[in-house]
Amino acid sequence: MAFMLQLKQATGRDSFVVVPNTVQTCQRPFDTAMVMTVAERPYTIVQVNSLWEEMTGYKAEDVVGKASCQVLQGQETERSNLGGLMEAVRFKRPAFTTLLNYTREGQKFRHFLNVYPLSTDSKITHFLGLTVHVDWSEKAQVHQQQQQQQAQVQVQAQVPAPTQQLIVASGVPRAAPVGIMPTVVGSSTLPSTLIASSTNGVALMPPQQILSAQNTTEPNVLQRS
């Protein structure tokens, strides 16, 4: 206590972030989801706070002395991240990882988890898990889909309406005003003639129509509809 008082006086601050290292220092309120387990298998839960209950859907009486944090794991829980976490736990070391877990109702959530070994009489007896951030996967996915739909609507709104049609006759492209139906005369050097379509962009004129068009007396004539 004397050291903490001196630290406050030296820094001019009243509060500090204390890395938990003993069971005694953890007997205080936490402003994030907290779970405490024993340090040996099967890592039974011995304490949770109300924020952990809200995050997971499990009540303290459902898990304390009865279950481990394995109740939160599911099919999509990352085994590689979980393996790294458990390796640190076996060697009584702190660990930091992200895990995709499940609530009691089966809803997925990803949380950033800090795990600290706790000592009692200079012996590691417990572990403390603190969740520093939660990403509710289903809500995040819905939000992402909504953003994508809004982006598509904005892109469609920015696309201008077609104002011209393209005529390709005798190999020479020209633009025709909207409302004027082009009469296209083909060339003997072209296998087919491209004409503009108001619905599908560009279409091909069959060779039979090209031969018929070559016999007309008024080539490259634009007729008003």
Protein backbone atom coordinates (compact mmCIF):
# COMPACT_ATOMS: atom_id res chain seq x y z
CA MET A 1 0.00 0.00 0.00
CA ALA A 2 2.86 2.39 0.78
CA PHE A 3 4.30 1.78 -2.69
CA MET A 4 0.98 2.54 -4.39
CA LEU A 5 0.62 5.75 -2.37
CA GLN A 6 4.12 6.85 -3.38
CA LEU A 7 3.34 6.00 -7.01
CA LYS A 8 0.19 8.12 -6.95
CA GLN A 9 2.03 11.05 -5.42
CA ALA A 10 4.91 10.80 -7.91
CA THR A 11 2.71 10.59 -11.02
CA GLY A 12 -0.22 12.67 -9.92
CA ARG A 13 -2.66 9.93 -10.96
CA ASP A 14 -5.27 8.24 -8.82
CA SER A 15 -5.80 5.07 -10.85
CA PHE A 16 -3.56 2.57 -12.61
CA VAL A 17 -3.93 -0.47 -14.80
CA VAL A 18 -2.63 -3.28 -12.63
CA VAL A 19 -1.66 -6.54 -14.29
CA PRO A 20 -3.35 -9.21 -12.16
CA ASN A 21 -0.90 -11.70 -10.70
CA THR A 22 -2.50 -12.99 -7.50
CA VAL A 23 -5.92 -14.28 -6.60
CA GLN A 24 -6.19 -11.59 -3.95
CA THR A 25 -5.72 -8.72 -6.42
CA CYS A 26 -8.59 -10.11 -8.52
CA GLN A 27 -11.14 -9.79 -5.74
CA ARG A 28 -12.42 -6.51 -7.14
CA PRO A 29 -14.91 -5.34 -9.78
CA PHE A 30 -13.83 -5.55 -13.43
CA ASP A 31 -15.18 -3.35 -16.20
CA THR A 32 -14.92 -6.19 -18.73
CA ALA A 33 -16.02 -9.82 -18.93
CA MET A 34 -13.99 -11.88 -16.42
CA VAL A 35 -13.65 -15.59 -15.76
CA MET A 36 -11.34 -17.33 -13.29
CA THR A 37 -10.40 -21.02 -13.48
CA VAL A 38 -8.13 -23.38 -11.59
CA ALA A 39 -4.65 -23.78 -13.08
CA GLU A 40 -4.82 -27.56 -13.44
CA ARG A 41 -6.95 -29.83 -15.55
CA PRO A 42 -9.85 -29.77 -16.15
CA TYR A 43 -9.53 -25.99 -15.60
CA THR A 44 -12.83 -25.72 -13.76
CA ILE A 45 -14.43 -22.28 -13.57
CA VAL A 46 -14.43 -20.87 -10.03
CA GLN A 47 -15.61 -17.30 -10.59
CA VAL A 48 -17.29 -15.13 -13.25
CA ASN A 49 -18.71 -11.63 -13.21
CA SER A 50 -22.01 -10.28 -14.53
CA LEU A 51 -20.43 -9.04 -17.78
CA TRP A 52 -19.22 -12.56 -18.56
CA GLU A 53 -22.73 -13.85 -17.87
CA GLU A 54 -24.20 -11.29 -20.28
CA MET A 55 -21.64 -12.11 -22.97
CA THR A 56 -22.03 -15.89 -22.85
CA GLY A 57 -25.60 -16.40 -21.64
CA TYR A 58 -24.39 -18.72 -18.86
CA LYS A 59 -25.18 -17.89 -15.25
CA ALA A 60 -22.60 -18.34 -12.51
CA GLU A 61 -24.60 -21.16 -10.94
CA ASP A 62 -24.51 -23.01 -14.28
CA VAL A 63 -20.72 -23.15 -14.60
CA VAL A 64 -18.93 -22.37 -11.33
CA GLY A 65 -17.51 -25.62 -9.97
CA LYS A 66 -19.22 -27.55 -12.78
CA ALA A 67 -17.66 -26.70 -16.14
CA SER A 68 -14.66 -25.22 -17.91
CA CYS A 69 -14.51 -22.63 -20.68
CA GLN A 70 -14.82 -25.52 -23.11
CA VAL A 71 -18.59 -24.98 -22.93
CA LEU A 72 -18.05 -21.91 -25.16
CA GLN A 73 -16.26 -23.78 -27.93
CA GLY A 74 -17.95 -24.95 -31.11
CA GLN A 75 -17.38 -26.19 -34.63
CA GLU A 76 -15.77 -22.99 -35.90
CA THR A 77 -13.57 -22.30 -32.88
CA GLU A 78 -10.03 -21.86 -34.21
CA ARG A 79 -8.07 -24.93 -33.07
CA SER A 80 -4.71 -23.33 -33.85
CA ASN A 81 -5.42 -20.30 -31.63
CA LEU A 82 -6.85 -22.55 -28.94
CA GLY A 83 -3.78 -24.80 -29.10
CA GLY A 84 -1.43 -21.84 -28.61
CA LEU A 85 -3.49 -20.65 -25.66
CA MET A 86 -3.50 -24.05 -23.95
CA GLU A 87 0.24 -24.45 -24.46
CA ALA A 88 0.81 -21.22 -22.53
CA VAL A 89 -1.60 -22.40 -19.83
CA ARG A 90 0.25 -25.71 -19.43
CA PHE A 91 3.50 -23.83 -18.88
CA LYS A 92 1.81 -21.35 -16.52
CA ARG A 93 2.48 -18.37 -18.79
CA PRO A 94 0.28 -15.40 -19.73
CA ALA A 95 -1.33 -15.53 -23.17
CA PHE A 96 -3.18 -13.25 -25.55
CA THR A 97 -5.34 -14.54 -28.39
CA THR A 98 -8.59 -14.22 -30.32
CA LEU A 99 -11.20 -16.97 -30.29
CA LEU A 100 -14.51 -17.55 -31.99
CA ASN A 101 -16.83 -18.96 -29.35
CA TYR A 102 -20.54 -19.55 -28.88
CA THR A 103 -23.10 -18.31 -26.39
CA ARG A 104 -25.44 -20.66 -24.59
CA GLU A 105 -28.04 -19.97 -27.30
CA GLY A 106 -25.53 -20.83 -30.05
CA GLN A 107 -24.75 -17.31 -31.28
CA LYS A 108 -21.19 -16.89 -32.52
CA PHE A 109 -18.91 -14.18 -31.19
CA ARG A 110 -15.21 -13.42 -31.56
CA HIS A 111 -13.44 -12.03 -28.53
CA PHE A 112 -9.94 -10.81 -27.77
CA LEU A 113 -8.84 -12.67 -24.67
CA ASN A 114 -6.06 -11.90 -22.19
CA VAL A 115 -5.15 -14.75 -19.84
CA TYR A 116 -3.02 -14.23 -16.72
CA PRO A 117 -1.61 -16.81 -14.29
CA LEU A 118 -2.49 -16.07 -10.66
CA SER A 119 -0.47 -17.14 -7.66
CA THR A 120 -1.35 -18.01 -4.12
CA ASP A 121 1.55 -18.19 -1.67
CA SER A 122 4.03 -17.94 -4.59
CA LYS A 123 2.43 -20.86 -6.46
CA ILE A 124 0.38 -20.64 -9.64
CA THR A 125 -3.06 -21.86 -8.65
CA HIS A 126 -5.52 -20.09 -10.98
CA PHE A 127 -5.89 -18.36 -14.32
CA LEU A 128 -7.78 -15.16 -15.05
CA GLY A 129 -9.36 -14.53 -18.43
CA LEU A 130 -10.36 -11.01 -19.44
CA THR A 131 -12.22 -10.22 -22.65
CA VAL A 132 -11.09 -6.85 -23.94
CA HIS A 133 -13.24 -6.72 -27.10
CA VAL A 134 -16.21 -8.60 -28.52
CA ASP A 135 -17.20 -8.85 -32.19
CA TRP A 136 -20.67 -10.35 -32.63
CA SER A 137 -20.11 -12.23 -35.89
CA GLU A 138 -23.72 -12.48 -37.07
CA LYS A 139 -24.41 -8.80 -36.46
CA ALA A 140 -21.13 -7.86 -38.15
CA GLN A 141 -22.04 -10.01 -41.17
CA VAL A 142 -25.49 -8.41 -41.48
CA HIS A 143 -23.93 -4.95 -41.22
CA GLN A 144 -21.40 -5.83 -43.93
CA GLN A 145 -24.16 -7.06 -46.26
CA GLN A 146 -26.12 -3.85 -45.72
CA GLN A 147 -23.05 -1.77 -46.57
CA GLN A 148 -22.49 -3.77 -49.77
CA GLN A 149 -26.11 -3.30 -50.84
CA GLN A 150 -25.91 0.45 -50.20
CA ALA A 151 -22.69 0.64 -52.24
CA GLN A 152 -24.35 -1.17 -55.16
CA VAL A 153 -27.30 1.23 -55.07
CA GLN A 154 -24.95 4.22 -55.13
CA VAL A 155 -23.01 2.81 -58.08
CA GLN A 156 -26.21 2.16 -60.04
CA ALA A 157 -27.42 5.68 -59.30
CA GLN A 158 -24.20 7.12 -60.77
CA VAL A 159 -24.47 5.23 -64.09
CA PRO A 160 -25.88 7.69 -66.75
CA ALA A 161 -28.77 6.66 -68.95
CA PRO A 162 -27.86 5.82 -72.58
CA THR A 163 -28.16 8.87 -74.87
CA GLN A 164 -26.69 7.64 -78.11
CA GLN A 165 -26.75 4.60 -80.34
CA LEU A 166 -23.77 3.36 -82.28
CA ILE A 167 -23.95 2.63 -86.00
CA VAL A 168 -21.21 0.69 -87.73
CA ALA A 169 -21.72 0.72 -91.47
CA SER A 170 -19.06 -0.07 -94.02
CA GLY A 171 -16.59 -0.40 -91.13
CA VAL A 172 -17.07 3.25 -89.98
CA PRO A 173 -18.56 3.77 -86.47
CA ARG A 174 -20.91 6.74 -86.05
CA ALA A 175 -23.23 7.94 -83.27
CA ALA A 176 -26.95 8.34 -83.88
CA PRO A 177 -29.28 10.43 -81.70
CA VAL A 178 -31.84 8.63 -79.61
CA GLY A 179 -35.19 8.35 -81.38
CA ILE A 180 -33.70 7.89 -84.85
CA MET A 181 -33.74 4.33 -86.08
CA PRO A 182 -30.62 3.64 -88.14
CA THR A 183 -30.77 1.97 -91.54
CA VAL A 184 -27.44 0.20 -91.97
CA VAL A 185 -25.94 -0.79 -95.30
CA GLY A 186 -23.27 -3.43 -95.13
CA SER A 187 -20.01 -3.70 -97.05
CA SER A 188 -18.86 -6.61 -99.12
CA THR A 189 -15.63 -6.61 -97.15
CA LEU A 190 -17.45 -7.16 -93.83
CA PRO A 191 -18.78 -10.59 -92.85
CA SER A 192 -21.56 -8.88 -90.93
CA THR A 193 -22.65 -5.40 -89.89
CA LEU A 194 -22.93 -4.22 -86.30
CA ILE A 195 -25.99 -2.21 -85.39
CA ALA A 196 -27.01 -0.58 -82.12
CA SER A 197 -29.74 -2.13 -80.00
CA SER A 198 -31.68 -0.05 -77.47
CA THR A 199 -31.89 -3.01 -75.11
CA ASN A 200 -28.89 -5.26 -75.59
CA GLY A 201 -26.19 -2.83 -76.73
CA VAL A 202 -24.79 -4.21 -80.02
CA ALA A 203 -26.30 -6.89 -82.24
CA LEU A 204 -25.25 -8.60 -85.49
CA MET A 205 -27.08 -8.23 -88.80
CA PRO A 206 -27.38 -11.55 -90.63
CA PRO A 207 -25.43 -11.82 -93.94
CA GLN A 208 -28.75 -12.22 -95.87
CA GLN A 209 -29.84 -8.74 -94.78
CA ILE A 210 -26.42 -7.35 -95.70
CA LEU A 211 -26.72 -8.65 -99.28
CA SER A 212 -30.22 -7.22 -99.50
CA ALA A 213 -29.04 -3.88 -98.14
CA GLN A 214 -26.20 -3.67 -100.66
CA ASN A 215 -28.78 -3.49 -103.51
CA THR A 216 -30.50 -0.40 -102.07
CA THR A 217 -30.12 2.87 -103.89
CA GLU A 218 -29.81 5.08 -100.78
CA PRO A 219 -26.92 3.83 -98.67
CA ASN A 220 -26.21 5.11 -95.17
CA VAL A 221 -29.63 6.79 -94.80
CA LEU A 222 -31.01 7.64 -91.36
CA GLN A 223 -34.78 7.42 -91.20
CA ARG A 224 -36.74 8.99 -88.42
CA SER A 225 -39.04 6.68 -86.49
